[in-house]
């Protein structure tokens, strides 16, 4: 019998570790309306967490029909407009951590547990956010920092895994490989969307958890397979304490 302590916590960015008051959805809606894409707010919300180009491809397919030759062109144009709107938003706006985030970071640093942030954003926007909140300054060319006991240890975007976003497990698997972790039972994933939950489940990590103070409510998340729902990510601290004292 041995104790297998948690070595890595993987967190989503917008809505989980970065405060998001539905700004991303608003930026998405602006780009959609500009291009004549008529998806509802609820449908856009349901696709939060996926790689953004994939979301436009999905929504244009729903509007125009499977196999329509205009889907890809319209998706690319909408996506380019979205990137411009989103970058301008984050460059002009204050970026803040979510409630409980800094408390969790402090605990994880004390325990020697790695922090990796994953996202559906492309690298340029992720870097704008990380720079504004001060978490980018210690990252190297591989967006990794294992020396400083501050901020995060790794940032992963779909860009680093050949554009493959959630719910495929590739970003979690890359994070594990960066730290030399091979045992998935030593990894926890937390996010605020249904696709974040599927992301953790598909990766086979110890716990795939949802946080309920982001873009989705507890009622919205509890309909999807999960290993627990948190009021904010500081609620992860007692869960890690419990896991680290379990006998495997």
Protein backbone atom coordinates (compact mmCIF):
# COMPACT_ATOMS: atom_id res chain seq x y z
CA UNK A 1 0.00 0.00 0.00
CA UNK A 2 1.41 3.39 -0.98
CA UNK A 3 0.25 6.98 -1.15
CA UNK A 4 0.28 8.52 -4.62
CA UNK A 5 0.41 12.27 -4.11
CA UNK A 6 -0.91 14.71 -6.67
CA UNK A 7 1.94 16.12 -8.79
CA UNK A 8 0.10 18.30 -11.31
CA UNK A 9 -3.03 20.45 -11.34
CA UNK A 10 -4.27 21.47 -14.78
CA UNK A 11 -6.52 24.54 -14.83
CA UNK A 12 -8.52 26.20 -17.58
CA UNK A 13 -7.85 29.91 -18.07
CA UNK A 14 -10.92 32.12 -18.77
CA UNK A 15 -13.62 31.39 -16.21
CA UNK A 16 -11.50 29.09 -14.03
CA UNK A 17 -8.25 30.87 -13.14
CA UNK A 18 -8.87 34.13 -15.06
CA UNK A 19 -12.01 36.10 -14.20
CA UNK A 20 -14.47 35.95 -17.11
CA UNK A 21 -17.78 37.74 -16.86
CA UNK A 22 -18.89 36.34 -20.23
CA UNK A 23 -16.55 38.70 -22.11
CA UNK A 24 -15.38 35.94 -24.44
CA UNK A 25 -18.95 35.11 -25.40
CA UNK A 26 -19.66 38.79 -26.04
CA UNK A 27 -16.61 39.05 -28.32
CA UNK A 28 -17.70 35.88 -30.09
CA UNK A 29 -21.23 37.23 -30.54
CA UNK A 30 -19.90 40.47 -32.07
CA UNK A 31 -17.88 38.54 -34.64
CA UNK A 32 -20.81 36.22 -35.34
CA UNK A 33 -23.28 39.05 -35.95
CA UNK A 34 -20.79 40.93 -38.10
CA UNK A 35 -20.68 37.93 -40.42
CA UNK A 36 -24.36 36.98 -40.34
CA UNK A 37 -23.97 33.98 -38.04
CA UNK A 38 -27.21 33.72 -36.06
CA UNK A 39 -26.47 31.24 -33.28
CA UNK A 40 -28.17 31.84 -29.95
CA UNK A 41 -26.39 32.96 -26.79
CA UNK A 42 -27.13 29.58 -25.19
CA UNK A 43 -25.55 27.71 -28.12
CA UNK A 44 -22.44 29.90 -28.00
CA UNK A 45 -22.17 29.35 -24.25
CA UNK A 46 -22.48 25.58 -24.71
CA UNK A 47 -19.39 25.62 -26.96
CA UNK A 48 -17.16 27.63 -24.62
CA UNK A 49 -13.87 25.85 -23.95
CA UNK A 50 -13.45 24.43 -27.44
CA UNK A 51 -10.80 25.78 -29.85
CA UNK A 52 -12.42 28.89 -31.32
CA UNK A 53 -12.00 28.13 -35.02
CA UNK A 54 -13.67 24.77 -34.40
CA UNK A 55 -16.61 26.60 -32.79
CA UNK A 56 -17.10 28.79 -35.85
CA UNK A 57 -16.85 25.76 -38.13
CA UNK A 58 -19.46 23.97 -36.01
CA UNK A 59 -21.88 26.90 -35.91
CA UNK A 60 -21.60 27.69 -39.61
CA UNK A 61 -22.23 24.02 -40.40
CA UNK A 62 -25.35 24.16 -38.23
CA UNK A 63 -26.56 27.29 -40.05
CA UNK A 64 -25.66 26.37 -43.64
CA UNK A 65 -25.84 22.59 -43.53
CA UNK A 66 -23.30 19.77 -43.62
CA UNK A 67 -21.10 19.91 -46.72
CA UNK A 68 -21.95 23.48 -47.72
CA UNK A 69 -18.92 24.82 -49.65
CA UNK A 70 -19.11 28.21 -47.88
CA UNK A 71 -18.69 26.84 -44.34
CA UNK A 72 -14.89 26.92 -44.21
CA UNK A 73 -14.56 30.37 -45.79
CA UNK A 74 -17.17 31.89 -43.50
CA UNK A 75 -15.65 30.17 -40.47
CA UNK A 76 -12.19 31.55 -41.29
CA UNK A 77 -13.49 35.09 -41.87
CA UNK A 78 -15.55 35.04 -38.66
CA UNK A 79 -12.60 33.64 -36.73
CA UNK A 80 -10.27 36.38 -37.98
CA UNK A 81 -12.78 39.05 -36.93
CA UNK A 82 -13.14 37.34 -33.55
CA UNK A 83 -9.37 37.30 -32.96
CA UNK A 84 -9.16 41.04 -33.62
CA UNK A 85 -12.11 41.80 -31.31
CA UNK A 86 -10.77 39.50 -28.57
CA UNK A 87 -7.22 40.85 -28.70
CA UNK A 88 -8.48 44.44 -28.49
CA UNK A 89 -10.67 43.50 -25.53
CA UNK A 90 -7.86 41.96 -23.50
CA UNK A 91 -5.35 44.68 -24.42
CA UNK A 92 -7.76 47.35 -23.13
CA UNK A 93 -9.25 45.52 -20.14
CA UNK A 94 -7.98 44.67 -16.69
CA UNK A 95 -7.21 40.97 -16.24
CA UNK A 96 -7.86 39.51 -12.79
CA UNK A 97 -7.61 36.08 -11.18
CA UNK A 98 -10.82 34.34 -10.15
CA UNK A 99 -11.94 34.11 -6.55
CA UNK A 100 -9.81 31.51 -4.76
CA UNK A 101 -7.17 31.33 -7.50
CA UNK A 102 -4.26 32.97 -5.69
CA UNK A 103 -5.06 31.02 -2.52
CA UNK A 104 -4.87 27.80 -4.51
CA UNK A 105 -1.64 28.85 -6.25
CA UNK A 106 -0.02 29.59 -2.87
CA UNK A 107 -1.03 26.18 -1.56
CA UNK A 108 0.18 24.33 -4.66
CA UNK A 109 3.56 26.09 -4.52
CA UNK A 110 3.92 25.17 -0.85
CA UNK A 111 3.15 21.54 -1.66
CA UNK A 112 5.50 21.38 -4.66
CA UNK A 113 2.61 20.65 -7.04
CA UNK A 114 2.95 21.89 -10.62
CA UNK A 115 0.38 24.32 -12.09
CA UNK A 116 -0.42 24.10 -15.81
CA UNK A 117 -2.92 26.35 -17.54
CA UNK A 118 -4.70 25.10 -20.65
CA UNK A 119 -7.07 27.03 -22.88
CA UNK A 120 -9.08 27.07 -26.08
CA UNK A 121 -7.38 30.39 -26.93
CA UNK A 122 -4.61 30.62 -29.48
CA UNK A 123 -1.13 31.54 -28.24
CA UNK A 124 -1.19 35.30 -28.95
CA UNK A 125 -4.28 35.90 -26.80
CA UNK A 126 -3.05 33.56 -24.07
CA UNK A 127 0.19 35.54 -23.92
CA UNK A 128 -1.67 38.87 -23.71
CA UNK A 129 -3.64 37.55 -20.74
CA UNK A 130 -0.63 36.01 -19.01
CA UNK A 131 1.41 39.16 -19.51
CA UNK A 132 -1.31 41.45 -18.11
CA UNK A 133 -1.78 39.33 -15.00
CA UNK A 134 1.98 38.88 -14.54
CA UNK A 135 2.17 35.12 -14.97
CA UNK A 136 4.22 35.18 -18.18
CA UNK A 137 7.38 36.88 -16.89
CA UNK A 138 9.05 33.67 -15.64
CA UNK A 139 8.08 31.44 -18.58
CA UNK A 140 10.76 30.29 -21.04
CA UNK A 141 10.45 29.76 -24.79
CA UNK A 142 8.45 26.59 -24.11
CA UNK A 143 6.06 28.59 -21.87
CA UNK A 144 7.44 26.71 -18.88
CA UNK A 145 8.83 27.75 -15.48
CA UNK A 146 9.96 25.26 -12.87
CA UNK A 147 12.39 27.53 -11.00
CA UNK A 148 10.23 30.29 -9.53
CA UNK A 149 7.72 29.71 -6.76
CA UNK A 150 5.32 32.25 -8.21
CA UNK A 151 2.67 32.25 -10.90
CA UNK A 152 2.30 29.18 -13.09
CA UNK A 153 4.68 26.45 -14.20
CA UNK A 154 3.33 25.86 -17.71
CA UNK A 155 0.95 27.32 -20.29
CA UNK A 156 -0.46 25.09 -23.05
CA UNK A 157 -2.59 26.18 -26.01
CA UNK A 158 -3.92 24.15 -28.94
CA UNK A 159 -1.02 25.75 -30.90
CA UNK A 160 1.43 23.49 -29.05
CA UNK A 161 -0.45 20.28 -29.93
CA UNK A 162 -0.97 20.77 -33.69
CA UNK A 163 -4.17 22.76 -33.15
CA UNK A 164 -5.95 19.94 -31.35
CA UNK A 165 -8.16 21.48 -28.67
CA UNK A 166 -10.51 20.06 -26.08
CA UNK A 167 -12.04 17.59 -25.46
CA UNK A 168 -9.10 15.64 -26.92
CA UNK A 169 -6.60 14.96 -24.10
CA UNK A 170 -3.52 16.23 -25.98
CA UNK A 171 -2.91 19.40 -23.95
CA UNK A 172 -3.03 17.49 -20.65
CA UNK A 173 -0.76 14.81 -22.07
CA UNK A 174 1.73 17.45 -23.21
CA UNK A 175 1.70 19.04 -19.76
CA UNK A 176 2.40 15.67 -18.15
CA UNK A 177 5.28 14.99 -20.53
CA UNK A 178 6.82 18.41 -19.84
CA UNK A 179 7.08 17.49 -16.15
CA UNK A 180 8.00 13.86 -16.70
CA UNK A 181 4.75 12.63 -15.15
CA UNK A 182 3.52 9.29 -16.46
CA UNK A 183 0.95 8.35 -13.81
CA UNK A 184 -2.43 9.94 -14.61
CA UNK A 185 -3.64 9.24 -11.08
CA UNK A 186 -1.30 12.03 -9.95
CA UNK A 187 -3.06 14.66 -12.09
CA UNK A 188 -6.23 16.72 -11.49
CA UNK A 189 -8.01 18.80 -14.15
CA UNK A 190 -10.37 21.69 -13.33
CA UNK A 191 -12.48 23.82 -15.67
CA UNK A 192 -15.72 25.77 -15.84
CA UNK A 193 -17.34 24.29 -18.97
CA UNK A 194 -18.78 20.92 -20.02
CA UNK A 195 -15.94 20.43 -22.50
CA UNK A 196 -13.42 20.96 -19.66
CA UNK A 197 -15.06 18.06 -17.83
CA UNK A 198 -14.89 15.88 -20.94
CA UNK A 199 -11.26 16.98 -21.39
CA UNK A 200 -10.31 15.60 -17.97
CA UNK A 201 -12.37 12.45 -18.42
CA UNK A 202 -10.82 11.74 -21.83
CA UNK A 203 -7.34 12.21 -20.38
CA UNK A 204 -8.08 9.66 -17.66
CA UNK A 205 -6.75 11.85 -14.86
CA UNK A 206 -7.43 11.23 -11.16
CA UNK A 207 -10.20 13.84 -10.95
CA UNK A 208 -12.07 15.82 -13.60
CA UNK A 209 -13.63 18.67 -11.62
CA UNK A 210 -15.85 21.60 -12.50
CA UNK A 211 -15.84 25.06 -10.94
CA UNK A 212 -19.18 26.86 -10.63
CA UNK A 213 -18.18 30.53 -10.47
CA UNK A 214 -17.10 30.76 -14.11
CA UNK A 215 -19.17 30.73 -17.29
CA UNK A 216 -21.40 27.81 -16.23
CA UNK A 217 -23.51 27.34 -13.12
CA UNK A 218 -23.61 24.25 -10.92
CA UNK A 219 -26.97 23.33 -12.47
CA UNK A 220 -25.50 23.52 -15.96
CA UNK A 221 -22.40 21.47 -15.09
CA UNK A 222 -23.98 18.75 -13.00
CA UNK A 223 -25.68 17.32 -16.10
CA UNK A 224 -22.26 16.18 -17.39
CA UNK A 225 -19.97 13.40 -16.09
CA UNK A 226 -17.69 14.83 -13.40
CA UNK A 227 -15.80 13.90 -10.25
CA UNK A 228 -17.05 16.88 -8.26
CA UNK A 229 -18.10 20.52 -8.55
CA UNK A 230 -16.37 23.36 -6.70
CA UNK A 231 -17.73 26.74 -5.61
CA UNK A 232 -14.34 28.24 -6.51
CA UNK A 233 -10.95 26.68 -7.18
CA UNK A 234 -9.71 27.17 -3.61
CA UNK A 235 -12.16 24.35 -2.78
CA UNK A 236 -9.60 22.11 -4.47
CA UNK A 237 -7.26 22.44 -1.47
CA UNK A 238 -9.13 20.08 0.92
CA UNK A 239 -9.70 17.66 -1.97
CA UNK A 240 -5.96 17.42 -2.60
CA UNK A 241 -5.36 17.01 1.12
CA UNK A 242 -7.80 14.10 1.17
CA UNK A 243 -6.39 12.48 -1.98
CA UNK A 244 -2.84 12.76 -0.70
CA UNK A 245 -3.78 10.84 2.43
CA UNK A 246 -5.60 8.04 0.64
CA UNK A 247 -3.90 4.68 0.43
CA UNK A 248 -3.77 3.32 -3.11
